[in-house]
Amino acid sequence: MNDVKSPVVDAGSLFPVRHPSAWMAFGLGLGSLVLGPLLGALALWLARKIRRELRAHAGRITGNFAVTTGVAAAWTCCIAWTVALLTALVAAWPTGAYVLPVCGLVLVASLILRGGPRWLAAVTAAGCMLAVFGGLEVRIEVLHARAAEQAQACVQAQHAASAAREAHDFTVARAAYTRAASTCIGEEIRLAERGMTDLAAQEESERRASEAAAEALAAQNALDFLRLAGRVPLTQAQDLVRNRKFAEPGDRIPRYMLALP
């Protein structure tokens, strides 16, 4: 009589066990939300490998819930970072607002024709449109902020130019008007150009007045030398400078002569 040996059954194989890497995929997926899409890509790669092993063991290994959660977190991270980068691209490069929808349409059509996940095609289309509108909104806000800063710089340059003109500091005033002309827009540019013209006229007028004062001072010095040499009587010199108005320093010699006994 032949002895038939019954197979030895391991009791542990009757109960499913959790895949040893399931929680690792879960942790990588959640970590990618904070640390970036590199961890997300690693989580997706590991999850794909784990799912292949889960299907091969036909229910004897568990962990699908942890893997699915990690995959959802990883996809969320990758999509969010991609939309953020595309938004920044459109904000920095406005032409991207025309290029990005075309690229998104091609990608969506390719996914549909190749039988790819419909949810991925929908997310791709929505992400492209969100990036376009978000990028344009950021671009508009940046332009508004730059316009406000430019207007403030224009006002400050004009105030600096006016203060310098009142102080007769023509070099500073000229530099301020030049800065105003480069920062102002519209009517403010014409005001800056008009201020530059007025500044040139004021500078020329004061230069001529300075030259006239110097000539008057030279004539007064000559008159004083003639008086000291005895060639012009004091009374005649006093008559020449009496009742004449001179700006400083042109009136110093007349006051000196009129004060002589």
Protein backbone atom coordinates (compact mmCIF):
# COMPACT_ATOMS: atom_id res chain seq x y z
CA MET A 1 0.00 0.00 0.00
CA ASN A 2 1.52 3.26 -1.14
CA ASP A 3 1.83 6.05 1.35
CA VAL A 4 0.40 9.26 -0.03
CA LYS A 5 2.02 12.30 1.57
CA SER A 6 -0.25 15.29 2.07
CA PRO A 7 1.28 18.64 1.15
CA VAL A 8 2.33 20.75 4.04
CA VAL A 9 0.38 23.99 4.05
CA ASP A 10 1.88 27.09 5.61
CA ALA A 11 -0.76 28.72 7.73
CA GLY A 12 0.74 32.14 7.07
CA SER A 13 0.01 31.86 3.37
CA LEU A 14 -3.69 31.62 4.08
CA PHE A 15 -3.84 35.20 5.31
CA PRO A 16 -2.96 38.18 3.08
CA VAL A 17 -0.03 40.36 4.13
CA ARG A 18 0.67 44.00 3.41
CA HIS A 19 3.26 44.79 0.75
CA PRO A 20 6.45 45.99 2.49
CA SER A 21 6.77 49.02 0.19
CA ALA A 22 3.14 50.17 0.27
CA TRP A 23 3.64 52.66 3.09
CA MET A 24 6.82 53.88 1.46
CA ALA A 25 4.85 54.82 -1.64
CA PHE A 26 2.28 56.48 0.62
CA GLY A 27 4.98 58.50 2.42
CA LEU A 28 6.70 59.54 -0.81
CA GLY A 29 3.39 60.74 -2.25
CA LEU A 30 2.56 62.85 0.77
CA GLY A 31 6.12 64.14 1.03
CA SER A 32 6.02 65.30 -2.56
CA LEU A 33 3.32 67.82 -1.63
CA VAL A 34 5.97 69.63 0.41
CA LEU A 35 9.29 68.68 -1.16
CA GLY A 36 8.37 68.84 -4.83
CA PRO A 37 7.66 66.73 -7.89
CA LEU A 38 10.89 64.69 -7.73
CA LEU A 39 9.48 62.73 -4.81
CA GLY A 40 6.17 62.58 -6.67
CA ALA A 41 7.80 60.96 -9.69
CA LEU A 42 9.55 58.46 -7.42
CA ALA A 43 6.25 57.69 -5.68
CA LEU A 44 4.53 57.06 -9.02
CA TRP A 45 7.33 54.74 -10.16
CA LEU A 46 7.24 52.78 -6.90
CA ALA A 47 3.43 52.59 -6.92
CA ARG A 48 3.42 51.17 -10.44
CA LYS A 49 5.87 48.47 -9.39
CA ILE A 50 3.86 47.62 -6.27
CA ARG A 51 0.58 47.40 -8.18
CA ARG A 52 2.17 45.00 -10.64
CA GLU A 53 3.16 42.75 -7.77
CA LEU A 54 -0.28 43.03 -6.17
CA ARG A 55 -1.92 41.83 -9.38
CA ALA A 56 0.58 38.98 -9.69
CA HIS A 57 -0.18 37.65 -6.20
CA ALA A 58 -3.97 37.77 -6.71
CA GLY A 59 -5.05 39.11 -3.35
CA ARG A 60 -2.44 37.43 -1.17
CA ILE A 61 -0.71 40.81 -0.73
CA THR A 62 -2.55 43.97 0.36
CA GLY A 63 -1.64 47.64 0.49
CA ASN A 64 -3.63 48.97 -2.43
CA PHE A 65 -5.27 51.71 -0.31
CA ALA A 66 -1.94 53.14 0.83
CA VAL A 67 -0.55 52.96 -2.71
CA THR A 68 -3.63 54.65 -4.19
CA THR A 69 -3.45 57.46 -1.63
CA GLY A 70 0.22 57.99 -2.38
CA VAL A 71 -0.47 58.05 -6.11
CA ALA A 72 -3.24 60.64 -5.67
CA ALA A 73 -0.93 62.86 -3.60
CA ALA A 74 1.91 62.45 -6.12
CA TRP A 75 -0.31 63.35 -9.08
CA THR A 76 -1.65 66.36 -7.15
CA CYS A 77 1.91 67.54 -6.52
CA CYS A 78 3.03 67.04 -10.13
CA ILE A 79 -0.03 68.79 -11.55
CA ALA A 80 0.21 71.71 -9.09
CA TRP A 81 3.91 72.27 -9.78
CA THR A 82 3.39 71.99 -13.53
CA VAL A 83 0.56 74.55 -13.47
CA ALA A 84 2.67 76.87 -11.30
CA LEU A 85 5.65 76.65 -13.67
CA LEU A 86 3.45 77.21 -16.72
CA THR A 87 1.81 80.19 -14.99
CA ALA A 88 5.22 81.71 -14.33
CA LEU A 89 6.16 81.04 -17.97
CA VAL A 90 3.10 82.87 -19.28
CA ALA A 91 3.67 85.74 -16.82
CA ALA A 92 7.28 86.15 -17.99
CA TRP A 93 6.62 85.38 -21.68
CA PRO A 94 3.20 86.66 -22.82
CA THR A 95 3.48 84.81 -26.14
CA GLY A 96 3.17 81.64 -24.09
CA ALA A 97 -0.52 82.46 -23.70
CA TYR A 98 -0.90 81.52 -27.39
CA VAL A 99 1.61 78.66 -27.49
CA LEU A 100 0.45 76.85 -24.34
CA PRO A 101 -3.18 76.18 -25.43
CA VAL A 102 -1.95 74.75 -28.73
CA CYS A 103 0.50 72.43 -26.96
CA GLY A 104 -2.20 71.43 -24.47
CA LEU A 105 -4.65 70.67 -27.29
CA VAL A 106 -2.09 68.47 -29.03
CA LEU A 107 -1.34 66.62 -25.80
CA VAL A 108 -5.02 66.07 -25.00
CA ALA A 109 -5.71 64.79 -28.52
CA SER A 110 -2.75 62.43 -28.28
CA LEU A 111 -3.98 61.02 -24.97
CA ILE A 112 -7.48 60.45 -26.34
CA LEU A 113 -6.32 58.85 -29.59
CA ARG A 114 -3.91 56.51 -27.80
CA GLY A 115 -6.54 55.42 -25.32
CA GLY A 116 -4.95 57.18 -22.37
CA PRO A 117 -6.81 57.97 -19.17
CA ARG A 118 -9.64 60.37 -19.81
CA TRP A 119 -9.11 61.98 -16.42
CA LEU A 120 -5.53 62.80 -17.36
CA ALA A 121 -6.70 64.42 -20.61
CA ALA A 122 -9.27 66.47 -18.70
CA VAL A 123 -6.74 67.52 -16.07
CA THR A 124 -4.25 68.48 -18.80
CA ALA A 125 -6.79 70.69 -20.56
CA ALA A 126 -7.91 72.31 -17.31
CA GLY A 127 -4.31 72.83 -16.19
CA CYS A 128 -3.35 74.53 -19.45
CA MET A 129 -6.28 76.93 -19.28
CA LEU A 130 -5.64 77.63 -15.61
CA ALA A 131 -1.99 78.36 -16.35
CA VAL A 132 -2.91 80.71 -19.20
CA PHE A 133 -5.45 82.73 -17.23
CA GLY A 134 -3.33 82.71 -14.08
CA GLY A 135 -0.22 83.78 -15.98
CA LEU A 136 -2.03 86.63 -17.70
CA GLU A 137 -3.47 87.78 -14.38
CA VAL A 138 -0.02 87.76 -12.79
CA ARG A 139 1.34 89.63 -15.81
CA ILE A 140 -1.32 92.32 -15.46
CA GLU A 141 -0.63 92.72 -11.74
CA VAL A 142 3.10 93.02 -12.39
CA LEU A 143 2.52 95.66 -15.07
CA HIS A 144 0.24 97.62 -12.74
CA ALA A 145 2.85 97.51 -9.99
CA ARG A 146 5.56 98.66 -12.39
CA ALA A 147 3.35 101.49 -13.65
CA ALA A 148 2.70 102.63 -10.07
CA GLU A 149 6.42 102.58 -9.27
CA GLN A 150 7.18 104.47 -12.48
CA ALA A 151 4.57 107.12 -11.68
CA GLN A 152 6.01 107.51 -8.17
CA ALA A 153 9.52 107.86 -9.58
CA CYS A 154 8.24 110.49 -12.05
CA VAL A 155 6.66 112.55 -9.27
CA GLN A 156 9.78 112.31 -7.11
CA ALA A 157 12.02 113.36 -10.02
CA GLN A 158 9.84 116.39 -10.77
CA HIS A 159 9.82 117.46 -7.12
CA ALA A 160 13.60 117.08 -6.96
CA ALA A 161 13.99 119.17 -10.11
CA SER A 162 11.77 121.95 -8.72
CA ALA A 163 13.66 122.02 -5.44
CA ALA A 164 17.00 122.14 -7.26
CA ARG A 165 15.81 125.02 -9.44
CA GLU A 166 14.77 126.99 -6.39
CA ALA A 167 18.20 126.35 -4.90
CA HIS A 168 19.84 127.38 -8.22
CA ASP A 169 21.55 123.98 -8.44
CA PHE A 170 21.23 123.55 -12.19
CA THR A 171 23.29 120.36 -12.41
CA VAL A 172 21.01 118.51 -10.01
CA ALA A 173 17.92 120.00 -11.64
CA ARG A 174 19.06 118.91 -15.09
CA ALA A 175 19.70 115.35 -13.86
CA ALA A 176 16.29 115.27 -12.18
CA TYR A 177 14.50 116.43 -15.33
CA THR A 178 16.38 113.82 -17.35
CA ARG A 179 15.25 111.14 -14.90
CA ALA A 180 11.69 112.45 -15.06
CA ALA A 181 11.70 112.31 -18.86
CA SER A 182 12.77 108.65 -18.73
CA THR A 183 10.17 107.60 -16.14
CA CYS A 184 7.15 109.76 -16.92
CA ILE A 185 4.49 108.95 -19.50
CA GLY A 186 1.94 110.94 -21.44
CA GLU A 187 1.46 114.55 -20.39
CA GLU A 188 4.09 114.20 -17.67
CA ILE A 189 6.79 113.75 -20.32
CA ARG A 190 5.82 117.04 -21.93
CA LEU A 191 5.94 118.73 -18.52
CA ALA A 192 9.43 117.37 -17.94
CA GLU A 193 10.57 118.57 -21.36
CA ARG A 194 9.05 121.99 -20.70
CA GLY A 195 10.81 122.10 -17.34
CA MET A 196 14.10 121.30 -19.06
CA THR A 197 13.53 124.18 -21.48
CA ASP A 198 12.66 126.59 -18.65
CA LEU A 199 15.73 125.43 -16.76
CA ALA A 200 17.97 126.23 -19.71
CA ALA A 201 16.40 129.70 -20.00
CA GLN A 202 16.79 130.33 -16.26
CA GLU A 203 20.40 129.18 -16.34
CA GLU A 204 21.20 131.45 -19.28
CA SER A 205 19.45 134.40 -17.63
CA GLU A 206 21.37 133.99 -14.38
CA ARG A 207 24.62 133.57 -16.29
CA ARG A 208 24.06 136.86 -18.07
CA ALA A 209 23.10 138.56 -14.81
CA SER A 210 26.26 137.22 -13.22
CA GLU A 211 28.35 138.55 -16.09
CA ALA A 212 26.67 141.97 -15.81
CA ALA A 213 27.35 142.04 -12.07
CA ALA A 214 30.98 141.17 -12.69
CA GLU A 215 31.28 143.97 -15.24
CA ALA A 216 29.68 146.45 -12.83
CA LEU A 217 32.04 145.35 -10.07
CA ALA A 218 35.04 145.79 -12.36
CA ALA A 219 33.88 149.33 -13.27
CA GLN A 220 33.44 150.18 -9.60
CA ASN A 221 36.94 148.92 -8.79
CA ALA A 222 38.35 151.05 -11.59
CA LEU A 223 36.45 154.08 -10.24
CA ASP A 224 37.88 153.49 -6.78
CA PHE A 225 41.42 153.21 -8.16
CA LEU A 226 40.97 156.48 -10.07
CA ARG A 227 39.74 158.14 -6.87
CA LEU A 228 42.71 156.87 -4.92
CA ALA A 229 45.06 158.09 -7.65
CA GLY A 230 43.51 161.55 -7.40
CA ARG A 231 42.26 161.49 -10.95
CA VAL A 232 38.57 161.52 -9.91
CA PRO A 233 37.37 163.70 -7.04
CA LEU A 234 35.55 161.94 -4.22
CA THR A 235 32.41 164.01 -4.72
CA GLN A 236 32.28 163.05 -8.39
CA ALA A 237 32.80 159.35 -7.58
CA GLN A 238 30.00 159.53 -5.00
CA ASP A 239 27.69 161.17 -7.52
CA LEU A 240 28.39 158.34 -9.95
CA VAL A 241 27.33 155.59 -7.53
CA ARG A 242 24.63 157.43 -5.57
CA ASN A 243 21.02 156.19 -6.07
CA ARG A 244 22.17 153.15 -8.08
CA LYS A 245 20.90 149.73 -7.07
CA PHE A 246 23.31 146.81 -7.26
CA ALA A 247 22.87 143.22 -6.17
CA GLU A 248 25.42 141.61 -3.90
CA PRO A 249 28.37 141.78 -4.38
CA GLY A 250 27.96 144.80 -6.65
CA ASP A 251 26.94 147.23 -3.87
CA ARG A 252 29.89 146.73 -1.57
CA ILE A 253 32.12 149.35 -3.17
CA PRO A 254 29.34 151.99 -3.43
CA ARG A 255 28.64 151.58 0.30
CA TYR A 256 32.34 151.91 0.97
CA MET A 257 32.66 155.07 -1.15
CA LEU A 258 29.57 156.68 0.32
CA ALA A 259 30.86 156.02 3.79
CA LEU A 260 34.09 157.97 3.17
CA PRO A 261 34.27 161.41 4.86
